[in-house]
């Protein structure tokens, strides 16, 4: 993630960012802009939204897989 003051974002074969949350991204932005520590509540809220989105997406994918499996069985 961070090396010698530089930040690296790694992507997998599907072009998806791995191991990098909204919290990490905002932390970098706030660090560079040197904003106050109070800004971190904004980061936490953004990270929660990102996690909620990921959970909703995961649940939707599971539902699709389940429905697809049911279709194959009929």
PDB file of N, CA and C in Angstrom:
ATOM      1  N   UNK A   1       0.824  -1.198   0.000  1.00  0.00           N
ATOM      2  CA  UNK A   1       0.000   0.000   0.000  1.00  0.00           C
ATOM      3  C   UNK A   1       0.866   1.260   0.000  1.00  0.00           C
ATOM      4  N   UNK A   2       1.748   1.384   1.003  1.00  0.00           N
ATOM      5  CA  UNK A   2       2.550   2.599   1.069  1.00  0.00           C
ATOM      6  C   UNK A   2       4.016   2.217   1.125  1.00  0.00           C
ATOM      7  N   UNK A   3       4.830   2.900   0.354  1.00  0.00           N
ATOM      8  CA  UNK A   3       6.254   2.647   0.346  1.00  0.00           C
ATOM      9  C   UNK A   3       6.979   3.943   0.031  1.00  0.00           C
ATOM     10  N   UNK A   4       7.836   4.360   0.939  1.00  0.00           N
ATOM     11  CA  UNK A   4       8.613   5.595   0.756  1.00  0.00           C
ATOM     12  C   UNK A   4       7.733   6.797   0.431  1.00  0.00           C
ATOM     13  N   UNK A   5       6.597   6.888   1.115  1.00  0.00           N
ATOM     14  CA  UNK A   5       5.714   8.031   0.917  1.00  0.00           C
ATOM     15  C   UNK A   5       4.840   7.946  -0.318  1.00  0.00           C
ATOM     16  N   UNK A   6       4.966   6.851  -1.081  1.00  0.00           N
ATOM     17  CA  UNK A   6       4.134   6.674  -2.273  1.00  0.00           C
ATOM     18  C   UNK A   6       3.090   5.602  -1.990  1.00  0.00           C
ATOM     19  N   UNK A   7       1.915   5.788  -2.548  1.00  0.00           N
ATOM     20  CA  UNK A   7       0.831   4.829  -2.357  1.00  0.00           C
ATOM     21  C   UNK A   7       0.626   4.017  -3.626  1.00  0.00           C
ATOM     22  N   UNK A   8       0.429   2.728  -3.448  1.00  0.00           N
ATOM     23  CA  UNK A   8       0.226   1.839  -4.578  1.00  0.00           C
ATOM     24  C   UNK A   8      -1.114   1.135  -4.436  1.00  0.00           C
ATOM     25  N   UNK A   9      -1.872   1.106  -5.512  1.00  0.00           N
ATOM     26  CA  UNK A   9      -3.149   0.403  -5.540  1.00  0.00           C
ATOM     27  C   UNK A   9      -2.995  -0.769  -6.502  1.00  0.00           C
ATOM     28  N   UNK A  10      -3.223  -1.974  -5.989  1.00  0.00           N
ATOM     29  CA  UNK A  10      -3.061  -3.173  -6.804  1.00  0.00           C
ATOM     30  C   UNK A  10      -4.413  -3.662  -7.298  1.00  0.00           C
ATOM     31  N   UNK A  11      -4.426  -4.110  -8.548  1.00  0.00           N
ATOM     32  CA  UNK A  11      -5.660  -4.638  -9.134  1.00  0.00           C
ATOM     33  C   UNK A  11      -5.464  -6.112  -9.477  1.00  0.00           C
ATOM     34  N   UNK A  12      -6.551  -6.874  -9.377  1.00  0.00           N
ATOM     35  CA  UNK A  12      -6.466  -8.289  -9.728  1.00  0.00           C
ATOM     36  C   UNK A  12      -6.713  -8.478 -11.226  1.00  0.00           C
ATOM     37  N   UNK A  13      -6.789  -9.733 -11.651  1.00  0.00           N
ATOM     38  CA  UNK A  13      -6.954 -10.036 -13.082  1.00  0.00           C
ATOM     39  C   UNK A  13      -8.272  -9.526 -13.648  1.00  0.00           C
ATOM     40  N   UNK A  14      -9.261  -9.338 -12.780  1.00  0.00           N
ATOM     41  CA  UNK A  14     -10.559  -8.825 -13.225  1.00  0.00           C
ATOM     42  C   UNK A  14     -10.630  -7.307 -13.150  1.00  0.00           C
ATOM     43  N   UNK A  15      -9.469  -6.682 -12.954  1.00  0.00           N
ATOM     44  CA  UNK A  15      -9.372  -5.225 -12.898  1.00  0.00           C
ATOM     45  C   UNK A  15     -10.090  -4.644 -11.681  1.00  0.00           C
ATOM     46  N   UNK A  16     -10.185  -5.433 -10.612  1.00  0.00           N
ATOM     47  CA  UNK A  16     -10.802  -4.964  -9.382  1.00  0.00           C
ATOM     48  C   UNK A  16      -9.717  -4.613  -8.377  1.00  0.00           C
ATOM     49  N   UNK A  17      -9.938  -3.535  -7.663  1.00  0.00           N
ATOM     50  CA  UNK A  17      -8.970  -3.109  -6.654  1.00  0.00           C
ATOM     51  C   UNK A  17      -9.044  -4.065  -5.471  1.00  0.00           C
ATOM     52  N   UNK A  18      -7.897  -4.498  -5.006  1.00  0.00           N
ATOM     53  CA  UNK A  18      -7.839  -5.447  -3.901  1.00  0.00           C
ATOM     54  C   UNK A  18      -7.274  -4.783  -2.648  1.00  0.00           C
ATOM     55  N   UNK A  19      -7.873  -5.090  -1.496  1.00  0.00           N
ATOM     56  CA  UNK A  19      -7.336  -4.647  -0.215  1.00  0.00           C
ATOM     57  C   UNK A  19      -7.297  -3.148  -0.052  1.00  0.00           C
ATOM     58  N   UNK A  20      -8.229  -2.465  -0.656  1.00  0.00           N
ATOM     59  CA  UNK A  20      -8.207  -1.004  -0.607  1.00  0.00           C
ATOM     60  C   UNK A  20      -9.617  -0.516  -0.362  1.00  0.00           C
ATOM     61  N   UNK A  21      -9.857   0.064   0.806  1.00  0.00           N
ATOM     62  CA  UNK A  21     -11.200   0.498   1.164  1.00  0.00           C
ATOM     63  C   UNK A  21     -11.358   1.996   0.960  1.00  0.00           C
ATOM     64  N   UNK A  22     -12.583   2.444   1.060  1.00  0.00           N
ATOM     65  CA  UNK A  22     -12.843   3.883   0.992  1.00  0.00           C
ATOM     66  C   UNK A  22     -12.082   4.602   2.097  1.00  0.00           C
ATOM     67  N   UNK A  23     -11.939   3.938   3.249  1.00  0.00           N
ATOM     68  CA  UNK A  23     -11.193   4.540   4.360  1.00  0.00           C
ATOM     69  C   UNK A  23      -9.757   4.814   3.942  1.00  0.00           C
ATOM     70  N   UNK A  24      -9.107   3.822   3.307  1.00  0.00           N
ATOM     71  CA  UNK A  24      -7.729   4.003   2.860  1.00  0.00           C
ATOM     72  C   UNK A  24      -7.601   5.156   1.883  1.00  0.00           C
ATOM     73  N   UNK A  25      -8.519   5.200   0.925  1.00  0.00           N
ATOM     74  CA  UNK A  25      -8.464   6.240  -0.096  1.00  0.00           C
ATOM     75  C   UNK A  25      -8.628   7.624   0.517  1.00  0.00           C
ATOM     76  N   UNK A  26      -9.617   7.777   1.392  1.00  0.00           N
ATOM     77  CA  UNK A  26      -9.849   9.083   2.017  1.00  0.00           C
ATOM     78  C   UNK A  26      -8.709   9.458   2.947  1.00  0.00           C
ATOM     79  N   UNK A  27      -8.138   8.463   3.610  1.00  0.00           N
ATOM     80  CA  UNK A  27      -7.008   8.732   4.503  1.00  0.00           C
ATOM     81  C   UNK A  27      -5.857   9.350   3.714  1.00  0.00           C
ATOM     82  N   UNK A  28      -5.616   8.811   2.523  1.00  0.00           N
ATOM     83  CA  UNK A  28      -4.559   9.360   1.671  1.00  0.00           C
ATOM     84  C   UNK A  28      -4.887  10.790   1.273  1.00  0.00           C
ATOM     85  N   UNK A  29      -6.130  11.019   0.845  1.00  0.00           N
ATOM     86  CA  UNK A  29      -6.534  12.360   0.421  1.00  0.00           C
ATOM     87  C   UNK A  29      -6.371  13.350   1.567  1.00  0.00           C
ATOM     88  N   UNK A  30      -6.849  12.969   2.768  1.00  0.00           N
ATOM     89  CA  UNK A  30      -6.766  13.877   3.908  1.00  0.00           C
ATOM     90  C   UNK A  30      -5.325  14.075   4.361  1.00  0.00           C
ATOM     91  N   UNK A  31      -4.502  13.029   4.225  1.00  0.00           N
ATOM     92  CA  UNK A  31      -3.095  13.157   4.600  1.00  0.00           C
ATOM     93  C   UNK A  31      -2.398  14.142   3.672  1.00  0.00           C
ATOM     94  N   UNK A  32      -2.660  13.996   2.383  1.00  0.00           N
ATOM     95  CA  UNK A  32      -2.028  14.887   1.405  1.00  0.00           C
ATOM     96  C   UNK A  32      -2.487  16.321   1.615  1.00  0.00           C
ATOM     97  N   UNK A  33      -3.780  16.493   1.849  1.00  0.00           N
ATOM     98  CA  UNK A  33      -4.310  17.843   2.033  1.00  0.00           C
ATOM     99  C   UNK A  33      -4.117  18.349   3.455  1.00  0.00           C
ATOM    100  N   UNK A  34      -3.651  17.470   4.365  1.00  0.00           N
ATOM    101  CA  UNK A  34      -3.375  17.820   5.754  1.00  0.00           C
ATOM    102  C   UNK A  34      -4.593  18.433   6.438  1.00  0.00           C
ATOM    103  N   UNK A  35      -5.720  17.755   6.313  1.00  0.00           N
ATOM    104  CA  UNK A  35      -6.929  18.219   6.978  1.00  0.00           C
ATOM    105  C   UNK A  35      -6.929  17.753   8.424  1.00  0.00           C
ATOM    106  N   UNK A  36      -7.818  18.315   9.206  1.00  0.00           N
ATOM    107  CA  UNK A  36      -7.856  18.015  10.635  1.00  0.00           C
ATOM    108  C   UNK A  36      -8.349  16.600  10.893  1.00  0.00           C
ATOM    109  N   UNK A  37      -8.078  16.125  12.102  1.00  0.00           N
ATOM    110  CA  UNK A  37      -8.477  14.777  12.500  1.00  0.00           C
ATOM    111  C   UNK A  37      -9.994  14.635  12.522  1.00  0.00           C
ATOM    112  N   UNK A  38     -10.739  15.739  12.644  1.00  0.00           N
ATOM    113  CA  UNK A  38     -12.199  15.656  12.660  1.00  0.00           C
ATOM    114  C   UNK A  38     -12.731  15.132  11.331  1.00  0.00           C
ATOM    115  N   UNK A  39     -11.958  15.255  10.295  1.00  0.00           N
ATOM    116  CA  UNK A  39     -12.394  14.780   8.982  1.00  0.00           C
ATOM    117  C   UNK A  39     -12.514  13.266   8.944  1.00  0.00           C
ATOM    118  N   UNK A  40     -11.899  12.593   9.910  1.00  0.00           N
ATOM    119  CA  UNK A  40     -11.920  11.135   9.880  1.00  0.00           C
ATOM    120  C   UNK A  40     -13.309  10.554  10.118  1.00  0.00           C
ATOM    121  N   UNK A  41     -14.212  11.313  10.730  1.00  0.00           N
ATOM    122  CA  UNK A  41     -15.588  10.818  10.864  1.00  0.00           C
ATOM    123  C   UNK A  41     -16.232  10.703   9.487  1.00  0.00           C
ATOM    124  N   UNK A  42     -15.865  11.610   8.590  1.00  0.00           N
ATOM    125  CA  UNK A  42     -16.356  11.539   7.209  1.00  0.00           C
ATOM    126  C   UNK A  42     -15.820  10.278   6.541  1.00  0.00           C
ATOM    127  N   UNK A  43     -14.554   9.967   6.788  1.00  0.00           N
ATOM    128  CA  UNK A  43     -13.952   8.768   6.217  1.00  0.00           C
ATOM    129  C   UNK A  43     -14.688   7.529   6.708  1.00  0.00           C
ATOM    130  N   UNK A  44     -14.948   7.483   8.013  1.00  0.00           N
ATOM    131  CA  UNK A  44     -15.621   6.317   8.588  1.00  0.00           C
ATOM    132  C   UNK A  44     -16.999   6.125   7.970  1.00  0.00           C
ATOM    133  N   UNK A  45     -17.726   7.217   7.779  1.00  0.00           N
ATOM    134  CA  UNK A  45     -19.054   7.123   7.167  1.00  0.00           C
ATOM    135  C   UNK A  45     -18.957   6.650   5.723  1.00  0.00           C
ATOM    136  N   UNK A  46     -17.990   7.164   4.991  1.00  0.00           N
ATOM    137  CA  UNK A  46     -17.805   6.757   3.600  1.00  0.00           C
ATOM    138  C   UNK A  46     -17.421   5.286   3.524  1.00  0.00           C
ATOM    139  N   UNK A  47     -16.555   4.860   4.446  1.00  0.00           N
ATOM    140  CA  UNK A  47     -16.152   3.461   4.461  1.00  0.00           C
ATOM    141  C   UNK A  47     -17.340   2.556   4.759  1.00  0.00           C
ATOM    142  N   UNK A  48     -18.219   2.978   5.671  1.00  0.00           N
ATOM    143  CA  UNK A  48     -19.413   2.194   5.996  1.00  0.00           C
ATOM    144  C   UNK A  48     -20.314   2.074   4.768  1.00  0.00           C
ATOM    145  N   UNK A  49     -20.463   3.176   4.032  1.00  0.00           N
ATOM    146  CA  UNK A  49     -21.269   3.124   2.811  1.00  0.00           C
ATOM    147  C   UNK A  49     -20.672   2.143   1.807  1.00  0.00           C
ATOM    148  N   UNK A  50     -19.350   2.161   1.690  1.00  0.00           N
ATOM    149  CA  UNK A  50     -18.682   1.249   0.761  1.00  0.00           C
ATOM    150  C   UNK A  50     -18.879  -0.201   1.191  1.00  0.00           C
ATOM    151  N   UNK A  51     -18.769  -0.454   2.498  1.00  0.00           N
ATOM    152  CA  UNK A  51     -18.967  -1.813   2.997  1.00  0.00           C
ATOM    153  C   UNK A  51     -20.405  -2.261   2.793  1.00  0.00           C
ATOM    154  N   UNK A  52     -21.355  -1.361   3.060  1.00  0.00           N
ATOM    155  CA  UNK A  52     -22.768  -1.684   2.839  1.00  0.00           C
ATOM    156  C   UNK A  52     -23.020  -2.018   1.375  1.00  0.00           C
ATOM    157  N   UNK A  53     -22.416  -1.226   0.493  1.00  0.00           N
ATOM    158  CA  UNK A  53     -22.574  -1.464  -0.946  1.00  0.00           C
ATOM    159  C   UNK A  53     -22.007  -2.831  -1.320  1.00  0.00           C
ATOM    160  N   UNK A  54     -20.815  -3.140  -0.797  1.00  0.00           N
ATOM    161  CA  UNK A  54     -20.197  -4.431  -1.101  1.00  0.00           C
ATOM    162  C   UNK A  54     -21.048  -5.581  -0.587  1.00  0.00           C
ATOM    163  N   UNK A  55     -21.619  -5.428   0.612  1.00  0.00           N
ATOM    164  CA  UNK A  55     -22.471  -6.472   1.178  1.00  0.00           C
ATOM    165  C   UNK A  55     -23.729  -6.655   0.346  1.00  0.00           C
ATOM    166  N   UNK A  56     -24.328  -5.536  -0.076  1.00  0.00           N
ATOM    167  CA  UNK A  56     -25.526  -5.616  -0.914  1.00  0.00           C
ATOM    168  C   UNK A  56     -25.215  -6.290  -2.242  1.00  0.00           C
ATOM    169  N   UNK A  57     -24.078  -5.946  -2.809  1.00  0.00           N
ATOM    170  CA  UNK A  57     -23.661  -6.541  -4.079  1.00  0.00           C
ATOM    171  C   UNK A  57     -23.429  -8.036  -3.910  1.00  0.00           C
ATOM    172  N   UNK A  58     -22.758  -8.404  -2.817  1.00  0.00           N
ATOM    173  CA  UNK A  58     -22.491  -9.816  -2.547  1.00  0.00           C
ATOM    174  C   UNK A  58     -23.797 -10.587  -2.380  1.00  0.00           C
ATOM    175  N   UNK A  59     -24.734 -10.009  -1.633  1.00  0.00           N
ATOM    176  CA  UNK A  59     -26.031 -10.657  -1.431  1.00  0.00           C
ATOM    177  C   UNK A  59     -26.788 -10.808  -2.744  1.00  0.00           C
ATOM    178  N   UNK A  60     -26.701  -9.794  -3.612  1.00  0.00           N
ATOM    179  CA  UNK A  60     -27.370  -9.861  -4.912  1.00  0.00           C
ATOM    180  C   UNK A  60     -26.770 -10.967  -5.771  1.00  0.00           C
ATOM    181  N   UNK A  61     -25.452 -11.082  -5.732  1.00  0.00           N
ATOM    182  CA  UNK A  61     -24.777 -12.129  -6.509  1.00  0.00           C
ATOM    183  C   UNK A  61     -25.176 -13.503  -5.987  1.00  0.00           C
ATOM    184  N   UNK A  62     -25.228 -13.639  -4.653  1.00  0.00           N
ATOM    185  CA  UNK A  62     -25.642 -14.921  -4.071  1.00  0.00           C
ATOM    186  C   UNK A  62     -27.065 -15.278  -4.489  1.00  0.00           C
ATOM    187  N   UNK A  63     -27.942 -14.276  -4.493  1.00  0.00           N
ATOM    188  CA  UNK A  63     -29.332 -14.510  -4.887  1.00  0.00           C
ATOM    189  C   UNK A  63     -29.410 -14.949  -6.348  1.00  0.00           C
ATOM    190  N   UNK A  64     -28.649 -14.270  -7.204  1.00  0.00           N
ATOM    191  CA  UNK A  64     -28.634 -14.641  -8.619  1.00  0.00           C
ATOM    192  C   UNK A  64     -28.121 -16.064  -8.807  1.00  0.00           C
ATOM    193  N   UNK A  65     -27.055 -16.408  -8.077  1.00  0.00           N
ATOM    194  CA  UNK A  65     -26.502 -17.755  -8.190  1.00  0.00           C
ATOM    195  C   UNK A  65     -27.512 -18.790  -7.715  1.00  0.00           C
ATOM    196  N   UNK A  66     -28.213 -18.466  -6.638  1.00  0.00           N
ATOM    197  CA  UNK A  66     -29.222 -19.375  -6.096  1.00  0.00           C
ATOM    198  C   UNK A  66     -30.359 -19.570  -7.097  1.00  0.00           C
ATOM    199  N   UNK A  67     -30.838 -18.476  -7.662  1.00  0.00           N
ATOM    200  CA  UNK A  67     -31.922 -18.559  -8.647  1.00  0.00           C
ATOM    201  C   UNK A  67     -31.480 -19.318  -9.891  1.00  0.00           C
ATOM    202  N   UNK A  68     -30.247 -19.085 -10.308  1.00  0.00           N
ATOM    203  CA  UNK A  68     -29.722 -19.776 -11.484  1.00  0.00           C
ATOM    204  C   UNK A  68     -29.644 -21.279 -11.219  1.00  0.00           C
ATOM    205  N   UNK A  69     -29.202 -21.638 -10.005  1.00  0.00           N
ATOM    206  CA  UNK A  69     -29.121 -23.053  -9.634  1.00  0.00           C
ATOM    207  C   UNK A  69     -30.511 -23.678  -9.643  1.00  0.00           C
ATOM    208  N   UNK A  70     -31.504 -22.933  -9.171  1.00  0.00           N
ATOM    209  CA  UNK A  70     -32.875 -23.445  -9.163  1.00  0.00           C
ATOM    210  C   UNK A  70     -33.393 -23.663 -10.582  1.00  0.00           C
ATOM    211  N   UNK A  71     -33.045 -22.765 -11.472  1.00  0.00           N
ATOM    212  CA  UNK A  71     -33.484 -22.894 -12.867  1.00  0.00           C
ATOM    213  C   UNK A  71     -32.863 -24.142 -13.494  1.00  0.00           C
ATOM    214  N   UNK A  72     -31.586 -24.383 -13.192  1.00  0.00           N
ATOM    215  CA  UNK A  72     -30.910 -25.546 -13.751  1.00  0.00           C
ATOM    216  C   UNK A  72     -31.517 -26.846 -13.238  1.00  0.00           C
ATOM    217  N   UNK A  73     -32.021 -26.824 -12.014  1.00  0.00           N
ATOM    218  CA  UNK A  73     -32.567 -28.038 -11.411  1.00  0.00           C
ATOM    219  C   UNK A  73     -33.961 -28.371 -11.921  1.00  0.00           C
ATOM    220  N   UNK A  74     -34.685 -27.406 -12.500  1.00  0.00           N
ATOM    221  CA  UNK A  74     -36.067 -27.657 -12.916  1.00  0.00           C
ATOM    222  C   UNK A  74     -36.126 -28.236 -14.313  1.00  0.00           C
TER     223      UNK A  74
END
